Amino acid sequence: MAEELGGWLAMASDEPLGIMILMDHGFSSVENVLLAIRPEFHRQGIGTMLIQHACAYARSLGKAYLTVKTLGPSRASESYKGTRAFYSAVGFEPLEEIVSIWGPENPCLLMIKAVSR
């Protein structure tokens, strides 16, 4: 998947710290389909930096928004509670929880962020 989509690696001394992969669906947004930071590098600004790059990329394509899908709050999960908190902290707003995407056992929360043209 990464070979076919836009994305970035966060590196330090030739060591990957995190990755972000984006998908342009052809409408007014770019979707963040993967953002993963190695756990030992959480809370060091790497995810925030990657989201900033994603916003700049979306603007360069003339897009108004960046979107992300994550596990919805109706399914209890401490790790995804943290994921949603991260996305909120970097400016994403929850739009809708949808059960038809991944099934009722994995509710999908759609979040959106304006990329500020």
C-alpha atoms as a PDB file:
ATOM      1  CA  MET A   1       0.000   0.000   0.000  1.00  0.00           C
ATOM      2  CA  ALA A   2       2.711   2.510   0.919  1.00  0.00           C
ATOM      3  CA  GLU A   3       4.299   2.211  -2.512  1.00  0.00           C
ATOM      4  CA  GLU A   4       1.075   3.351  -4.215  1.00  0.00           C
ATOM      5  CA  LEU A   5       0.094   6.224  -1.884  1.00  0.00           C
ATOM      6  CA  GLY A   6       1.722   9.404  -0.603  1.00  0.00           C
ATOM      7  CA  GLY A   7       3.528   9.139   2.675  1.00  0.00           C
ATOM      8  CA  TRP A   8       6.442  10.050   4.882  1.00  0.00           C
ATOM      9  CA  LEU A   9       8.835   8.353   7.243  1.00  0.00           C
ATOM     10  CA  ALA A  10      10.063  10.170  10.337  1.00  0.00           C
ATOM     11  CA  MET A  11      13.721   9.239  10.681  1.00  0.00           C
ATOM     12  CA  ALA A  12      16.562   9.818  13.142  1.00  0.00           C
ATOM     13  CA  SER A  13      20.064   8.584  12.369  1.00  0.00           C
ATOM     14  CA  ASP A  14      18.759   6.243   9.646  1.00  0.00           C
ATOM     15  CA  GLU A  15      16.294   4.743  12.127  1.00  0.00           C
ATOM     16  CA  PRO A  16      12.545   4.938  11.351  1.00  0.00           C
ATOM     17  CA  LEU A  17      10.558   6.488  14.199  1.00  0.00           C
ATOM     18  CA  GLY A  18       7.174   6.718  12.531  1.00  0.00           C
ATOM     19  CA  ILE A  19       5.243   6.546   9.285  1.00  0.00           C
ATOM     20  CA  MET A  20       2.250   8.290   7.770  1.00  0.00           C
ATOM     21  CA  ILE A  21       0.417   7.229   4.605  1.00  0.00           C
ATOM     22  CA  LEU A  22      -2.163   9.404   2.851  1.00  0.00           C
ATOM     23  CA  MET A  23      -4.796   8.725   0.213  1.00  0.00           C
ATOM     24  CA  ASP A  24      -6.401  11.273  -2.111  1.00  0.00           C
ATOM     25  CA  HIS A  25      -9.941  10.096  -2.859  1.00  0.00           C
ATOM     26  CA  GLY A  26     -10.438  12.865  -5.413  1.00  0.00           C
ATOM     27  CA  PHE A  27     -12.814  15.072  -3.462  1.00  0.00           C
ATOM     28  CA  SER A  28     -12.141  17.907  -1.007  1.00  0.00           C
ATOM     29  CA  SER A  29      -9.986  15.960   1.448  1.00  0.00           C
ATOM     30  CA  VAL A  30      -6.951  13.753   1.827  1.00  0.00           C
ATOM     31  CA  GLU A  31      -7.318  10.768   4.153  1.00  0.00           C
ATOM     32  CA  ASN A  32      -4.685   9.790   6.671  1.00  0.00           C
ATOM     33  CA  VAL A  33      -4.918   6.010   6.255  1.00  0.00           C
ATOM     34  CA  LEU A  34      -1.983   5.203   8.547  1.00  0.00           C
ATOM     35  CA  LEU A  35      -0.118   7.077  11.251  1.00  0.00           C
ATOM     36  CA  ALA A  36       2.134   4.961  13.438  1.00  0.00           C
ATOM     37  CA  ILE A  37       4.883   6.087  15.787  1.00  0.00           C
ATOM     38  CA  ARG A  38       7.100   3.621  17.608  1.00  0.00           C
ATOM     39  CA  PRO A  39       5.829   3.536  21.215  1.00  0.00           C
ATOM     40  CA  GLU A  40       9.130   4.599  22.732  1.00  0.00           C
ATOM     41  CA  PHE A  41       8.919   7.818  20.672  1.00  0.00           C
ATOM     42  CA  HIS A  42       5.345   8.787  21.602  1.00  0.00           C
ATOM     43  CA  ARG A  43       4.806  12.290  23.022  1.00  0.00           C
ATOM     44  CA  GLN A  44       7.890  13.735  21.331  1.00  0.00           C
ATOM     45  CA  GLY A  45       6.118  15.715  18.594  1.00  0.00           C
ATOM     46  CA  ILE A  46       6.692  13.232  15.771  1.00  0.00           C
ATOM     47  CA  GLY A  47       3.000  12.597  15.094  1.00  0.00           C
ATOM     48  CA  THR A  48       2.275  16.318  15.225  1.00  0.00           C
ATOM     49  CA  MET A  49       5.053  16.980  12.725  1.00  0.00           C
ATOM     50  CA  LEU A  50       3.698  14.325  10.372  1.00  0.00           C
ATOM     51  CA  ILE A  51       0.184  15.803  10.593  1.00  0.00           C
ATOM     52  CA  GLN A  52       1.645  19.229   9.742  1.00  0.00           C
ATOM     53  CA  HIS A  53       3.266  17.703   6.650  1.00  0.00           C
ATOM     54  CA  ALA A  54      -0.050  16.072   5.731  1.00  0.00           C
ATOM     55  CA  CYS A  55      -1.817  19.433   5.966  1.00  0.00           C
ATOM     56  CA  ALA A  56       0.800  21.077   3.749  1.00  0.00           C
ATOM     57  CA  TYR A  57       0.475  18.229   1.253  1.00  0.00           C
ATOM     58  CA  ALA A  58      -3.332  18.531   1.227  1.00  0.00           C
ATOM     59  CA  ARG A  59      -3.057  22.303   0.663  1.00  0.00           C
ATOM     60  CA  SER A  60      -0.636  21.708  -2.214  1.00  0.00           C
ATOM     61  CA  LEU A  61      -3.329  19.565  -3.844  1.00  0.00           C
ATOM     62  CA  GLY A  62      -5.955  22.264  -3.308  1.00  0.00           C
ATOM     63  CA  LYS A  63      -7.762  20.233  -0.635  1.00  0.00           C
ATOM     64  CA  ALA A  64      -9.602  21.862   2.255  1.00  0.00           C
ATOM     65  CA  TYR A  65      -9.538  18.971   4.744  1.00  0.00           C
ATOM     66  CA  LEU A  66      -7.585  16.095   6.185  1.00  0.00           C
ATOM     67  CA  THR A  67      -9.629  13.118   7.416  1.00  0.00           C
ATOM     68  CA  VAL A  68      -8.919  10.052   9.512  1.00  0.00           C
ATOM     69  CA  LYS A  69     -10.898   6.973  10.501  1.00  0.00           C
ATOM     70  CA  THR A  70     -10.273   5.429  13.908  1.00  0.00           C
ATOM     71  CA  LEU A  71     -12.050   3.172  16.355  1.00  0.00           C
ATOM     72  CA  GLY A  72     -15.137   4.936  17.708  1.00  0.00           C
ATOM     73  CA  PRO A  73     -15.754   5.712  21.369  1.00  0.00           C
ATOM     74  CA  SER A  74     -18.754   3.367  21.656  1.00  0.00           C
ATOM     75  CA  ARG A  75     -16.257   0.487  21.872  1.00  0.00           C
ATOM     76  CA  ALA A  76     -14.147   0.736  25.002  1.00  0.00           C
ATOM     77  CA  SER A  77     -10.415   0.786  24.255  1.00  0.00           C
ATOM     78  CA  GLU A  78      -7.801   2.641  26.276  1.00  0.00           C
ATOM     79  CA  SER A  79      -5.304   2.680  23.406  1.00  0.00           C
ATOM     80  CA  TYR A  80      -7.831   4.122  20.945  1.00  0.00           C
ATOM     81  CA  LYS A  81      -8.998   6.590  23.584  1.00  0.00           C
ATOM     82  CA  GLY A  82      -5.425   7.896  23.428  1.00  0.00           C
ATOM     83  CA  THR A  83      -5.475   7.849  19.629  1.00  0.00           C
ATOM     84  CA  ARG A  84      -8.657   9.953  19.568  1.00  0.00           C
ATOM     85  CA  ALA A  85      -7.142  12.336  22.137  1.00  0.00           C
ATOM     86  CA  PHE A  86      -4.076  12.799  19.910  1.00  0.00           C
ATOM     87  CA  TYR A  87      -6.181  13.590  16.856  1.00  0.00           C
ATOM     88  CA  SER A  88      -8.286  16.044  18.876  1.00  0.00           C
ATOM     89  CA  ALA A  89      -5.133  17.720  20.202  1.00  0.00           C
ATOM     90  CA  VAL A  90      -3.856  18.325  16.657  1.00  0.00           C
ATOM     91  CA  GLY A  91      -7.141  19.857  15.531  1.00  0.00           C
ATOM     92  CA  PHE A  92      -9.360  17.032  14.295  1.00  0.00           C
ATOM     93  CA  GLU A  93     -13.078  17.133  15.081  1.00  0.00           C
ATOM     94  CA  PRO A  94     -15.248  14.010  15.309  1.00  0.00           C
ATOM     95  CA  LEU A  95     -17.915  13.952  12.591  1.00  0.00           C
ATOM     96  CA  GLU A  96     -19.728  10.650  12.842  1.00  0.00           C
ATOM     97  CA  GLU A  97     -19.455   7.135  14.216  1.00  0.00           C
ATOM     98  CA  ILE A  98     -20.300   4.633  11.475  1.00  0.00           C
ATOM     99  CA  VAL A  99     -20.851   0.911  12.030  1.00  0.00           C
ATOM    100  CA  SER A 100     -21.267  -0.040   8.371  1.00  0.00           C
ATOM    101  CA  ILE A 101     -17.568   0.409   7.499  1.00  0.00           C
ATOM    102  CA  TRP A 102     -15.828  -2.077   9.817  1.00  0.00           C
ATOM    103  CA  GLY A 103     -18.915  -3.688  11.351  1.00  0.00           C
ATOM    104  CA  PRO A 104     -20.813  -3.061  14.597  1.00  0.00           C
ATOM    105  CA  GLU A 105     -18.063  -4.690  16.671  1.00  0.00           C
ATOM    106  CA  ASN A 106     -15.563  -2.093  15.366  1.00  0.00           C
ATOM    107  CA  PRO A 107     -17.376   1.254  15.089  1.00  0.00           C
ATOM    108  CA  CYS A 108     -15.534   3.706  12.853  1.00  0.00           C
ATOM    109  CA  LEU A 109     -15.177   7.303  14.029  1.00  0.00           C
ATOM    110  CA  LEU A 110     -14.696   9.700  11.110  1.00  0.00           C
ATOM    111  CA  MET A 111     -12.690  12.783  12.112  1.00  0.00           C
ATOM    112  CA  ILE A 112     -11.870  15.888  10.044  1.00  0.00           C
ATOM    113  CA  LYS A 113      -9.415  18.775  10.200  1.00  0.00           C
ATOM    114  CA  ALA A 114      -9.410  21.940   8.111  1.00  0.00           C
ATOM    115  CA  VAL A 115      -5.967  22.381   6.565  1.00  0.00           C
ATOM    116  CA  SER A 116      -6.182  26.214   6.537  1.00  0.00           C
ATOM    117  CA  ARG A 117      -5.473  27.375   3.027  1.00  0.00           C
END
